[in-house]
Amino acid sequence: MTVSPSQFPPPFDPESVIAKSVLSADKQLPVGVLIVGAGPAGLACAIRLMQLLEKETELKASLGDFPVAVLEKGKYPGAHLLSGAVINPVAFRKLFPNLKDSDFPFYGPVDKE
């Protein structure tokens, strides 16, 4: 049996809760790809997408002056993180293979609980 999202509509009228643009066209900023959320996943997505776009110059040019933008509701990227700041650097090493461990923005290794 195939299930489709349209078989389960939301329990409200989506048009009543979707934010409408309040800016005039001259105040809007057109972007190619908008990533919502500047947490670890959003920032990793933006970084990796820009790395891939560097190799696809025609595609990058077709996305306009701002090929990738990140929208964050907090005052700064990651403002809503509740992490204990224990980070496994494997993902950083994959995103930035040319950086040395001393270049990562960490205070120091965690050597005990």
PDB file of N, CA and C in Angstrom:
ATOM      1  N   MET A   1       0.842  -1.176   0.000  1.00  0.00           N
ATOM      2  CA  MET A   1       0.000   0.000   0.000  1.00  0.00           C
ATOM      3  C   MET A   1       0.892   1.245   0.000  1.00  0.00           C
ATOM      4  N   THR A   2       0.643   2.160  -0.911  1.00  0.00           N
ATOM      5  CA  THR A   2       1.393   3.409  -0.988  1.00  0.00           C
ATOM      6  C   THR A   2       0.643   4.498  -0.231  1.00  0.00           C
ATOM      7  N   VAL A   3       1.388   5.223   0.587  1.00  0.00           N
ATOM      8  CA  VAL A   3       0.797   6.316   1.360  1.00  0.00           C
ATOM      9  C   VAL A   3       1.385   7.623   0.854  1.00  0.00           C
ATOM     10  N   SER A   4       0.537   8.593   0.666  1.00  0.00           N
ATOM     11  CA  SER A   4       0.953   9.901   0.176  1.00  0.00           C
ATOM     12  C   SER A   4       0.684  10.954   1.249  1.00  0.00           C
ATOM     13  N   PRO A   5       1.569  11.970   1.376  1.00  0.00           N
ATOM     14  CA  PRO A   5       1.307  13.040   2.356  1.00  0.00           C
ATOM     15  C   PRO A   5      -0.036  13.729   2.137  1.00  0.00           C
ATOM     16  N   SER A   6      -0.496  13.762   0.885  1.00  0.00           N
ATOM     17  CA  SER A   6      -1.771  14.430   0.619  1.00  0.00           C
ATOM     18  C   SER A   6      -2.949  13.689   1.247  1.00  0.00           C
ATOM     19  N   GLN A   7      -2.750  12.433   1.619  1.00  0.00           N
ATOM     20  CA  GLN A   7      -3.809  11.681   2.281  1.00  0.00           C
ATOM     21  C   GLN A   7      -3.958  12.092   3.747  1.00  0.00           C
ATOM     22  N   PHE A   8      -2.977  12.829   4.246  1.00  0.00           N
ATOM     23  CA  PHE A   8      -2.997  13.252   5.640  1.00  0.00           C
ATOM     24  C   PHE A   8      -2.773  14.762   5.729  1.00  0.00           C
ATOM     25  N   PRO A   9      -3.757  15.557   5.340  1.00  0.00           N
ATOM     26  CA  PRO A   9      -3.570  17.014   5.376  1.00  0.00           C
ATOM     27  C   PRO A   9      -3.456  17.512   6.818  1.00  0.00           C
ATOM     28  N   PRO A  10      -2.809  18.677   7.008  1.00  0.00           N
ATOM     29  CA  PRO A  10      -2.687  19.222   8.364  1.00  0.00           C
ATOM     30  C   PRO A  10      -4.067  19.573   8.922  1.00  0.00           C
ATOM     31  N   PRO A  11      -4.202  19.589  10.250  1.00  0.00           N
ATOM     32  CA  PRO A  11      -5.503  19.868  10.868  1.00  0.00           C
ATOM     33  C   PRO A  11      -5.838  21.364  10.914  1.00  0.00           C
ATOM     34  N   PHE A  12      -5.292  22.149  10.003  1.00  0.00           N
ATOM     35  CA  PHE A  12      -5.561  23.584   9.942  1.00  0.00           C
ATOM     36  C   PHE A  12      -5.403  24.023   8.497  1.00  0.00           C
ATOM     37  N   ASP A  13      -5.813  25.232   8.216  1.00  0.00           N
ATOM     38  CA  ASP A  13      -5.676  25.787   6.869  1.00  0.00           C
ATOM     39  C   ASP A  13      -4.268  26.355   6.724  1.00  0.00           C
ATOM     40  N   PRO A  14      -3.399  25.744   5.909  1.00  0.00           N
ATOM     41  CA  PRO A  14      -2.019  26.225   5.782  1.00  0.00           C
ATOM     42  C   PRO A  14      -1.929  27.685   5.363  1.00  0.00           C
ATOM     43  N   GLU A  15      -2.846  28.155   4.547  1.00  0.00           N
ATOM     44  CA  GLU A  15      -2.809  29.552   4.102  1.00  0.00           C
ATOM     45  C   GLU A  15      -2.976  30.520   5.266  1.00  0.00           C
ATOM     46  N   SER A  16      -3.601  30.072   6.352  1.00  0.00           N
ATOM     47  CA  SER A  16      -3.824  30.966   7.493  1.00  0.00           C
ATOM     48  C   SER A  16      -2.579  31.137   8.360  1.00  0.00           C
ATOM     49  N   VAL A  17      -1.586  30.264   8.226  1.00  0.00           N
ATOM     50  CA  VAL A  17      -0.405  30.359   9.076  1.00  0.00           C
ATOM     51  C   VAL A  17       0.887  30.632   8.311  1.00  0.00           C
ATOM     52  N   ILE A  18       0.847  30.592   7.002  1.00  0.00           N
ATOM     53  CA  ILE A  18       2.054  30.840   6.216  1.00  0.00           C
ATOM     54  C   ILE A  18       2.331  32.339   6.200  1.00  0.00           C
ATOM     55  N   ALA A  19       3.559  32.678   6.536  1.00  0.00           N
ATOM     56  CA  ALA A  19       3.951  34.088   6.568  1.00  0.00           C
ATOM     57  C   ALA A  19       3.972  34.642   5.145  1.00  0.00           C
ATOM     58  N   LYS A  20       3.393  35.773   4.987  1.00  0.00           N
ATOM     59  CA  LYS A  20       3.398  36.460   3.698  1.00  0.00           C
ATOM     60  C   LYS A  20       4.491  37.520   3.719  1.00  0.00           C
ATOM     61  N   SER A  21       5.033  37.819   2.574  1.00  0.00           N
ATOM     62  CA  SER A  21       6.081  38.825   2.496  1.00  0.00           C
ATOM     63  C   SER A  21       5.514  40.192   2.869  1.00  0.00           C
ATOM     64  N   VAL A  22       6.199  40.873   3.768  1.00  0.00           N
ATOM     65  CA  VAL A  22       5.796  42.216   4.149  1.00  0.00           C
ATOM     66  C   VAL A  22       6.748  43.245   3.560  1.00  0.00           C
ATOM     67  N   LEU A  23       7.751  42.774   2.822  1.00  0.00           N
ATOM     68  CA  LEU A  23       8.713  43.676   2.213  1.00  0.00           C
ATOM     69  C   LEU A  23       8.331  43.954   0.771  1.00  0.00           C
ATOM     70  N   SER A  24       8.576  45.157   0.342  1.00  0.00           N
ATOM     71  CA  SER A  24       8.361  45.472  -1.057  1.00  0.00           C
ATOM     72  C   SER A  24       9.441  44.786  -1.889  1.00  0.00           C
ATOM     73  N   ALA A  25       9.203  44.649  -3.173  1.00  0.00           N
ATOM     74  CA  ALA A  25      10.128  43.919  -4.047  1.00  0.00           C
ATOM     75  C   ALA A  25      11.537  44.512  -4.012  1.00  0.00           C
ATOM     76  N   ASP A  26      11.668  45.822  -3.854  1.00  0.00           N
ATOM     77  CA  ASP A  26      13.002  46.432  -3.844  1.00  0.00           C
ATOM     78  C   ASP A  26      13.754  46.176  -2.530  1.00  0.00           C
ATOM     79  N   LYS A  27      13.078  45.674  -1.494  1.00  0.00           N
ATOM     80  CA  LYS A  27      13.717  45.371  -0.214  1.00  0.00           C
ATOM     81  C   LYS A  27      14.008  43.883  -0.061  1.00  0.00           C
ATOM     82  N   GLN A  28      13.561  43.066  -0.998  1.00  0.00           N
ATOM     83  CA  GLN A  28      13.780  41.637  -0.912  1.00  0.00           C
ATOM     84  C   GLN A  28      15.154  41.278  -1.455  1.00  0.00           C
ATOM     85  N   LEU A  29      15.708  40.197  -0.952  1.00  0.00           N
ATOM     86  CA  LEU A  29      17.020  39.726  -1.369  1.00  0.00           C
ATOM     87  C   LEU A  29      16.854  38.359  -2.024  1.00  0.00           C
ATOM     88  N   PRO A  30      16.975  38.283  -3.349  1.00  0.00           N
ATOM     89  CA  PRO A  30      16.826  36.985  -4.008  1.00  0.00           C
ATOM     90  C   PRO A  30      18.047  36.100  -3.738  1.00  0.00           C
ATOM     91  N   VAL A  31      17.783  34.862  -3.361  1.00  0.00           N
ATOM     92  CA  VAL A  31      18.854  33.900  -3.099  1.00  0.00           C
ATOM     93  C   VAL A  31      18.576  32.634  -3.901  1.00  0.00           C
ATOM     94  N   GLY A  32      19.647  31.904  -4.203  1.00  0.00           N
ATOM     95  CA  GLY A  32      19.496  30.659  -4.952  1.00  0.00           C
ATOM     96  C   GLY A  32      18.940  29.549  -4.086  1.00  0.00           C
ATOM     97  N   VAL A  33      19.566  29.319  -2.932  1.00  0.00           N
ATOM     98  CA  VAL A  33      19.148  28.282  -1.988  1.00  0.00           C
ATOM     99  C   VAL A  33      19.096  28.918  -0.608  1.00  0.00           C
ATOM    100  N   LEU A  34      17.969  28.767   0.075  1.00  0.00           N
ATOM    101  CA  LEU A  34      17.822  29.297   1.429  1.00  0.00           C
ATOM    102  C   LEU A  34      17.812  28.128   2.407  1.00  0.00           C
ATOM    103  N   ILE A  35      18.729  28.160   3.346  1.00  0.00           N
ATOM    104  CA  ILE A  35      18.799  27.139   4.387  1.00  0.00           C
ATOM    105  C   ILE A  35      18.270  27.771   5.663  1.00  0.00           C
ATOM    106  N   VAL A  36      17.259  27.146   6.244  1.00  0.00           N
ATOM    107  CA  VAL A  36      16.632  27.679   7.451  1.00  0.00           C
ATOM    108  C   VAL A  36      17.259  27.005   8.663  1.00  0.00           C
ATOM    109  N   GLY A  37      17.915  27.810   9.478  1.00  0.00           N
ATOM    110  CA  GLY A  37      18.546  27.315  10.693  1.00  0.00           C
ATOM    111  C   GLY A  37      20.057  27.291  10.577  1.00  0.00           C
ATOM    112  N   ALA A  38      20.726  27.989  11.486  1.00  0.00           N
ATOM    113  CA  ALA A  38      22.190  28.059  11.483  1.00  0.00           C
ATOM    114  C   ALA A  38      22.785  27.210  12.590  1.00  0.00           C
ATOM    115  N   GLY A  39      22.152  26.064  12.833  1.00  0.00           N
ATOM    116  CA  GLY A  39      22.725  25.098  13.759  1.00  0.00           C
ATOM    117  C   GLY A  39      23.758  24.259  13.014  1.00  0.00           C
ATOM    118  N   PRO A  40      24.236  23.208  13.634  1.00  0.00           N
ATOM    119  CA  PRO A  40      25.266  22.388  12.988  1.00  0.00           C
ATOM    120  C   PRO A  40      24.854  21.842  11.626  1.00  0.00           C
ATOM    121  N   ALA A  41      23.634  21.349  11.506  1.00  0.00           N
ATOM    122  CA  ALA A  41      23.197  20.770  10.228  1.00  0.00           C
ATOM    123  C   ALA A  41      23.049  21.843   9.153  1.00  0.00           C
ATOM    124  N   GLY A  42      22.453  22.981   9.502  1.00  0.00           N
ATOM    125  CA  GLY A  42      22.280  24.051   8.531  1.00  0.00           C
ATOM    126  C   GLY A  42      23.598  24.620   8.042  1.00  0.00           C
ATOM    127  N   LEU A  43      24.516  24.833   8.969  1.00  0.00           N
ATOM    128  CA  LEU A  43      25.817  25.369   8.576  1.00  0.00           C
ATOM    129  C   LEU A  43      26.622  24.355   7.768  1.00  0.00           C
ATOM    130  N   ALA A  44      26.562  23.083   8.161  1.00  0.00           N
ATOM    131  CA  ALA A  44      27.260  22.051   7.394  1.00  0.00           C
ATOM    132  C   ALA A  44      26.681  21.959   5.987  1.00  0.00           C
ATOM    133  N   CYS A  45      25.378  22.066   5.874  1.00  0.00           N
ATOM    134  CA  CYS A  45      24.726  22.040   4.566  1.00  0.00           C
ATOM    135  C   CYS A  45      25.200  23.208   3.710  1.00  0.00           C
ATOM    136  N   ALA A  46      25.225  24.401   4.274  1.00  0.00           N
ATOM    137  CA  ALA A  46      25.650  25.584   3.522  1.00  0.00           C
ATOM    138  C   ALA A  46      27.110  25.472   3.094  1.00  0.00           C
ATOM    139  N   ILE A  47      27.961  25.013   3.994  1.00  0.00           N
ATOM    140  CA  ILE A  47      29.388  24.876   3.680  1.00  0.00           C
ATOM    141  C   ILE A  47      29.587  23.869   2.561  1.00  0.00           C
ATOM    142  N   ARG A  48      28.954  22.706   2.696  1.00  0.00           N
ATOM    143  CA  ARG A  48      29.143  21.654   1.687  1.00  0.00           C
ATOM    144  C   ARG A  48      28.550  22.071   0.348  1.00  0.00           C
ATOM    145  N   LEU A  49      27.407  22.721   0.363  1.00  0.00           N
ATOM    146  CA  LEU A  49      26.798  23.172  -0.886  1.00  0.00           C
ATOM    147  C   LEU A  49      27.696  24.183  -1.589  1.00  0.00           C
ATOM    148  N   MET A  50      28.283  25.100  -0.848  1.00  0.00           N
ATOM    149  CA  MET A  50      29.195  26.065  -1.470  1.00  0.00           C
ATOM    150  C   MET A  50      30.455  25.377  -1.997  1.00  0.00           C
ATOM    151  N   GLN A  51      30.951  24.375  -1.273  1.00  0.00           N
ATOM    152  CA  GLN A  51      32.099  23.624  -1.779  1.00  0.00           C
ATOM    153  C   GLN A  51      31.757  22.951  -3.106  1.00  0.00           C
ATOM    154  N   LEU A  52      30.577  22.362  -3.196  1.00  0.00           N
ATOM    155  CA  LEU A  52      30.164  21.705  -4.443  1.00  0.00           C
ATOM    156  C   LEU A  52      29.940  22.723  -5.559  1.00  0.00           C
ATOM    157  N   LEU A  53      29.381  23.877  -5.211  1.00  0.00           N
ATOM    158  CA  LEU A  53      29.123  24.906  -6.230  1.00  0.00           C
ATOM    159  C   LEU A  53      30.414  25.501  -6.780  1.00  0.00           C
ATOM    160  N   GLU A  54      31.498  25.466  -6.013  1.00  0.00           N
ATOM    161  CA  GLU A  54      32.775  25.972  -6.516  1.00  0.00           C
ATOM    162  C   GLU A  54      33.238  25.178  -7.738  1.00  0.00           C
ATOM    163  N   LYS A  55      32.838  23.927  -7.807  1.00  0.00           N
ATOM    164  CA  LYS A  55      33.209  23.079  -8.943  1.00  0.00           C
ATOM    165  C   LYS A  55      32.233  23.209 -10.108  1.00  0.00           C
ATOM    166  N   GLU A  56      31.051  23.761  -9.843  1.00  0.00           N
ATOM    167  CA  GLU A  56      30.000  23.928 -10.859  1.00  0.00           C
ATOM    168  C   GLU A  56      29.758  25.416 -11.078  1.00  0.00           C
ATOM    169  N   THR A  57      30.680  26.070 -11.760  1.00  0.00           N
ATOM    170  CA  THR A  57      30.631  27.530 -11.873  1.00  0.00           C
ATOM    171  C   THR A  57      29.398  28.028 -12.617  1.00  0.00           C
ATOM    172  N   GLU A  58      28.951  27.302 -13.636  1.00  0.00           N
ATOM    173  CA  GLU A  58      27.755  27.737 -14.375  1.00  0.00           C
ATOM    174  C   GLU A  58      26.516  27.665 -13.493  1.00  0.00           C
ATOM    175  N   LEU A  59      26.389  26.575 -12.749  1.00  0.00           N
ATOM    176  CA  LEU A  59      25.254  26.432 -11.840  1.00  0.00           C
ATOM    177  C   LEU A  59      25.293  27.511 -10.770  1.00  0.00           C
ATOM    178  N   LYS A  60      26.479  27.748 -10.202  1.00  0.00           N
ATOM    179  CA  LYS A  60      26.621  28.778  -9.171  1.00  0.00           C
ATOM    180  C   LYS A  60      26.220  30.145  -9.719  1.00  0.00           C
ATOM    181  N   ALA A  61      26.651  30.459 -10.932  1.00  0.00           N
ATOM    182  CA  ALA A  61      26.305  31.746 -11.544  1.00  0.00           C
ATOM    183  C   ALA A  61      24.801  31.859 -11.785  1.00  0.00           C
ATOM    184  N   SER A  62      24.158  30.744 -12.109  1.00  0.00           N
ATOM    185  CA  SER A  62      22.715  30.780 -12.382  1.00  0.00           C
ATOM    186  C   SER A  62      21.898  31.017 -11.118  1.00  0.00           C
ATOM    187  N   LEU A  63      22.514  30.824  -9.941  1.00  0.00           N
ATOM    188  CA  LEU A  63      21.804  31.015  -8.679  1.00  0.00           C
ATOM    189  C   LEU A  63      21.847  32.463  -8.186  1.00  0.00           C
ATOM    190  N   GLY A  64      22.484  33.346  -8.941  1.00  0.00           N
ATOM    191  CA  GLY A  64      22.473  34.764  -8.609  1.00  0.00           C
ATOM    192  C   GLY A  64      23.630  35.207  -7.745  1.00  0.00           C
ATOM    193  N   ASP A  65      23.516  36.442  -7.233  1.00  0.00           N
ATOM    194  CA  ASP A  65      24.572  37.040  -6.420  1.00  0.00           C
ATOM    195  C   ASP A  65      24.758  36.320  -5.087  1.00  0.00           C
ATOM    196  N   PHE A  66      23.689  35.737  -4.587  1.00  0.00           N
ATOM    197  CA  PHE A  66      23.733  35.020  -3.306  1.00  0.00           C
ATOM    198  C   PHE A  66      23.275  33.584  -3.555  1.00  0.00           C
ATOM    199  N   PRO A  67      24.198  32.712  -3.994  1.00  0.00           N
ATOM    200  CA  PRO A  67      23.789  31.351  -4.327  1.00  0.00           C
ATOM    201  C   PRO A  67      23.294  30.554  -3.120  1.00  0.00           C
ATOM    202  N   VAL A  68      23.827  30.830  -1.932  1.00  0.00           N
ATOM    203  CA  VAL A  68      23.407  30.130  -0.719  1.00  0.00           C
ATOM    204  C   VAL A  68      23.282  31.151   0.407  1.00  0.00           C
ATOM    205  N   ALA A  69      22.163  31.087   1.119  1.00  0.00           N
ATOM    206  CA  ALA A  69      21.965  31.968   2.275  1.00  0.00           C
ATOM    207  C   ALA A  69      21.446  31.124   3.435  1.00  0.00           C
ATOM    208  N   VAL A  70      21.799  31.537   4.650  1.00  0.00           N
ATOM    209  CA  VAL A  70      21.342  30.850   5.857  1.00  0.00           C
ATOM    210  C   VAL A  70      20.503  31.831   6.665  1.00  0.00           C
ATOM    211  N   LEU A  71      19.319  31.403   7.046  1.00  0.00           N
ATOM    212  CA  LEU A  71      18.405  32.230   7.833  1.00  0.00           C
ATOM    213  C   LEU A  71      18.332  31.659   9.245  1.00  0.00           C
ATOM    214  N   GLU A  72      18.601  32.498  10.235  1.00  0.00           N
ATOM    215  CA  GLU A  72      18.613  32.047  11.628  1.00  0.00           C
ATOM    216  C   GLU A  72      17.765  32.982  12.466  1.00  0.00           C
ATOM    217  N   LYS A  73      16.916  32.426  13.325  1.00  0.00           N
ATOM    218  CA  LYS A  73      16.070  33.267  14.181  1.00  0.00           C
ATOM    219  C   LYS A  73      16.798  33.771  15.417  1.00  0.00           C
ATOM    220  N   GLY A  74      17.883  33.129  15.777  1.00  0.00           N
ATOM    221  CA  GLY A  74      18.640  33.544  16.955  1.00  0.00           C
ATOM    222  C   GLY A  74      19.517  34.747  16.666  1.00  0.00           C
ATOM    223  N   LYS A  75      20.161  35.241  17.699  1.00  0.00           N
ATOM    224  CA  LYS A  75      21.032  36.411  17.560  1.00  0.00           C
ATOM    225  C   LYS A  75      22.331  36.079  16.847  1.00  0.00           C
ATOM    226  N   TYR A  76      22.715  34.803  16.844  1.00  0.00           N
ATOM    227  CA  TYR A  76      23.957  34.372  16.203  1.00  0.00           C
ATOM    228  C   TYR A  76      23.796  32.906  15.814  1.00  0.00           C
ATOM    229  N   PRO A  77      24.630  32.401  14.910  1.00  0.00           N
ATOM    230  CA  PRO A  77      24.522  30.992  14.510  1.00  0.00           C
ATOM    231  C   PRO A  77      24.665  30.064  15.707  1.00  0.00           C
ATOM    232  N   GLY A  78      23.740  29.126  15.808  1.00  0.00           N
ATOM    233  CA  GLY A  78      23.779  28.164  16.901  1.00  0.00           C
ATOM    234  C   GLY A  78      23.267  28.690  18.222  1.00  0.00           C
ATOM    235  N   ALA A  79      22.547  29.803  18.205  1.00  0.00           N
ATOM    236  CA  ALA A  79      22.090  30.431  19.446  1.00  0.00           C
ATOM    237  C   ALA A  79      21.166  29.532  20.267  1.00  0.00           C
ATOM    238  N   HIS A  80      20.509  28.599  19.630  1.00  0.00           N
ATOM    239  CA  HIS A  80      19.549  27.763  20.350  1.00  0.00           C
ATOM    240  C   HIS A  80      20.071  26.367  20.650  1.00  0.00           C
ATOM    241  N   LEU A  81      21.365  26.170  20.532  1.00  0.00           N
ATOM    242  CA  LEU A  81      21.932  24.853  20.821  1.00  0.00           C
ATOM    243  C   LEU A  81      21.937  24.600  22.324  1.00  0.00           C
ATOM    244  N   LEU A  82      21.660  23.399  22.684  1.00  0.00           N
ATOM    245  CA  LEU A  82      21.700  23.017  24.095  1.00  0.00           C
ATOM    246  C   LEU A  82      22.778  21.972  24.332  1.00  0.00           C
ATOM    247  N   SER A  83      23.771  21.968  23.483  1.00  0.00           N
ATOM    248  CA  SER A  83      24.839  20.978  23.561  1.00  0.00           C
ATOM    249  C   SER A  83      25.715  21.217  24.781  1.00  0.00           C
ATOM    250  N   GLY A  84      26.302  20.166  25.241  1.00  0.00           N
ATOM    251  CA  GLY A  84      27.286  20.284  26.316  1.00  0.00           C
ATOM    252  C   GLY A  84      28.655  20.603  25.760  1.00  0.00           C
ATOM    253  N   ALA A  85      28.710  20.930  24.480  1.00  0.00           N
ATOM    254  CA  ALA A  85      29.940  21.328  23.792  1.00  0.00           C
ATOM    255  C   ALA A  85      30.941  20.191  23.668  1.00  0.00           C
ATOM    256  N   VAL A  86      30.475  18.957  23.701  1.00  0.00           N
ATOM    257  CA  VAL A  86      31.340  17.820  23.424  1.00  0.00           C
ATOM    258  C   VAL A  86      31.139  17.496  21.954  1.00  0.00           C
ATOM    259  N   ILE A  87      32.176  17.695  21.160  1.00  0.00           N
ATOM    260  CA  ILE A  87      32.057  17.591  19.709  1.00  0.00           C
ATOM    261  C   ILE A  87      33.000  16.528  19.186  1.00  0.00           C
ATOM    262  N   ASN A  88      32.455  15.644  18.383  1.00  0.00           N
ATOM    263  CA  ASN A  88      33.287  14.676  17.679  1.00  0.00           C
ATOM    264  C   ASN A  88      33.762  15.360  16.396  1.00  0.00           C
ATOM    265  N   PRO A  89      35.052  15.557  16.212  1.00  0.00           N
ATOM    266  CA  PRO A  89      35.546  16.345  15.072  1.00  0.00           C
ATOM    267  C   PRO A  89      35.525  15.630  13.720  1.00  0.00           C
ATOM    268  N   VAL A  90      34.949  14.433  13.646  1.00  0.00           N
ATOM    269  CA  VAL A  90      34.935  13.688  12.382  1.00  0.00           C
ATOM    270  C   VAL A  90      34.254  14.495  11.276  1.00  0.00           C
ATOM    271  N   ALA A  91      33.114  15.100  11.584  1.00  0.00           N
ATOM    272  CA  ALA A  91      32.390  15.870  10.571  1.00  0.00           C
ATOM    273  C   ALA A  91      33.195  17.081  10.110  1.00  0.00           C
ATOM    274  N   PHE A  92      33.883  17.747  11.033  1.00  0.00           N
ATOM    275  CA  PHE A  92      34.719  18.888  10.658  1.00  0.00           C
ATOM    276  C   PHE A  92      35.849  18.443   9.735  1.00  0.00           C
ATOM    277  N   ARG A  93      36.422  17.296  10.036  1.00  0.00           N
ATOM    278  CA  ARG A  93      37.520  16.791   9.187  1.00  0.00           C
ATOM    279  C   ARG A  93      37.033  16.474   7.777  1.00  0.00           C
ATOM    280  N   LYS A  94      35.783  15.999   7.661  1.00  0.00           N
ATOM    281  CA  LYS A  94      35.232  15.701   6.334  1.00  0.00           C
ATOM    282  C   LYS A  94      34.917  16.984   5.570  1.00  0.00           C
ATOM    283  N   LEU A  95      34.373  17.982   6.269  1.00  0.00           N
ATOM    284  CA  LEU A  95      34.031  19.248   5.608  1.00  0.00           C
ATOM    285  C   LEU A  95      35.271  20.053   5.248  1.00  0.00           C
ATOM    286  N   PHE A  96      36.271  20.007   6.093  1.00  0.00           N
ATOM    287  CA  PHE A  96      37.493  20.795   5.900  1.00  0.00           C
ATOM    288  C   PHE A  96      38.717  19.883   5.926  1.00  0.00           C
ATOM    289  N   PRO A  97      38.924  19.087   4.879  1.00  0.00           N
ATOM    290  CA  PRO A  97      40.016  18.113   4.911  1.00  0.00           C
ATOM    291  C   PRO A  97      41.405  18.734   4.956  1.00  0.00           C
ATOM    292  N   ASN A  98      41.560  19.991   4.587  1.00  0.00           N
ATOM    293  CA  ASN A  98      42.876  20.623   4.571  1.00  0.00           C
ATOM    294  C   ASN A  98      43.267  21.272   5.897  1.00  0.00           C
ATOM    295  N   LEU A  99      42.354  21.333   6.849  1.00  0.00           N
ATOM    296  CA  LEU A  99      42.667  21.947   8.142  1.00  0.00           C
ATOM    297  C   LEU A  99      43.371  20.960   9.054  1.00  0.00           C
ATOM    298  N   LYS A 100      44.300  21.486   9.847  1.00  0.00           N
ATOM    299  CA  LYS A 100      44.961  20.680  10.871  1.00  0.00           C
ATOM    300  C   LYS A 100      44.093  20.689  12.125  1.00  0.00           C
ATOM    301  N   ASP A 101      44.262  19.714  12.979  1.00  0.00           N
ATOM    302  CA  ASP A 101      43.477  19.653  14.212  1.00  0.00           C
ATOM    303  C   ASP A 101      43.627  20.922  15.040  1.00  0.00           C
ATOM    304  N   SER A 102      44.785  21.554  14.988  1.00  0.00           N
ATOM    305  CA  SER A 102      45.005  22.771  15.770  1.00  0.00           C
ATOM    306  C   SER A 102      44.210  23.957  15.217  1.00  0.00           C
ATOM    307  N   ASP A 103      43.697  23.837  13.990  1.00  0.00           N
ATOM    308  CA  ASP A 103      42.916  24.925  13.390  1.00  0.00           C
ATOM    309  C   ASP A 103      41.431  24.875  13.751  1.00  0.00           C
ATOM    310  N   PHE A 104      40.969  23.757  14.317  1.00  0.00           N
ATOM    311  CA  PHE A 104      39.559  23.630  14.659  1.00  0.00           C
ATOM    312  C   PHE A 104      39.226  24.518  15.847  1.00  0.00           C
ATOM    313  N   PRO A 105      38.019  25.069  15.880  1.00  0.00           N
ATOM    314  CA  PRO A 105      37.653  26.013  16.952  1.00  0.00           C
ATOM    315  C   PRO A 105      37.219  25.327  18.235  1.00  0.00           C
ATOM    316  N   PHE A 106      38.061  24.470  18.784  1.00  0.00           N
ATOM    317  CA  PHE A 106      37.739  23.772  20.004  1.00  0.00           C
ATOM    318  C   PHE A 106      38.691  24.229  21.113  1.00  0.00           C
ATOM    319  N   TYR A 107      38.210  24.200  22.350  1.00  0.00           N
ATOM    320  CA  TYR A 107      39.068  24.594  23.466  1.00  0.00           C
ATOM    321  C   TYR A 107      40.104  23.541  23.778  1.00  0.00           C
ATOM    322  N   GLY A 108      39.760  22.282  23.637  1.00  0.00           N
ATOM    323  CA  GLY A 108      40.701  21.223  23.918  1.00  0.00           C
ATOM    324  C   GLY A 108      40.015  19.885  23.897  1.00  0.00           C
ATOM    325  N   PRO A 109      40.788  18.834  23.900  1.00  0.00           N
ATOM    326  CA  PRO A 109      40.195  17.501  23.859  1.00  0.00           C
ATOM    327  C   PRO A 109      39.516  17.153  25.178  1.00  0.00           C
ATOM    328  N   VAL A 110      38.503  16.320  25.103  1.00  0.00           N
ATOM    329  CA  VAL A 110      37.829  15.817  26.305  1.00  0.00           C
ATOM    330  C   VAL A 110      38.512  14.514  26.661  1.00  0.00           C
ATOM    331  N   ASP A 111      39.125  14.478  27.830  1.00  0.00           N
ATOM    332  CA  ASP A 111      39.872  13.278  28.187  1.00  0.00           C
ATOM    333  C   ASP A 111      39.238  12.493  29.335  1.00  0.00           C
ATOM    334  N   LYS A 112      38.135  12.998  29.890  1.00  0.00           N
ATOM    335  CA  LYS A 112      37.426  12.254  30.925  1.00  0.00           C
ATOM    336  C   LYS A 112      35.977  12.739  31.000  1.00  0.00           C
ATOM    337  N   GLU A 113      35.143  11.979  31.684  1.00  0.00           N
ATOM    338  CA  GLU A 113      33.721  12.283  31.813  1.00  0.00           C
ATOM    339  C   GLU A 113      33.543  13.606  32.543  1.00  0.00           C
TER     340      GLU A 113
END
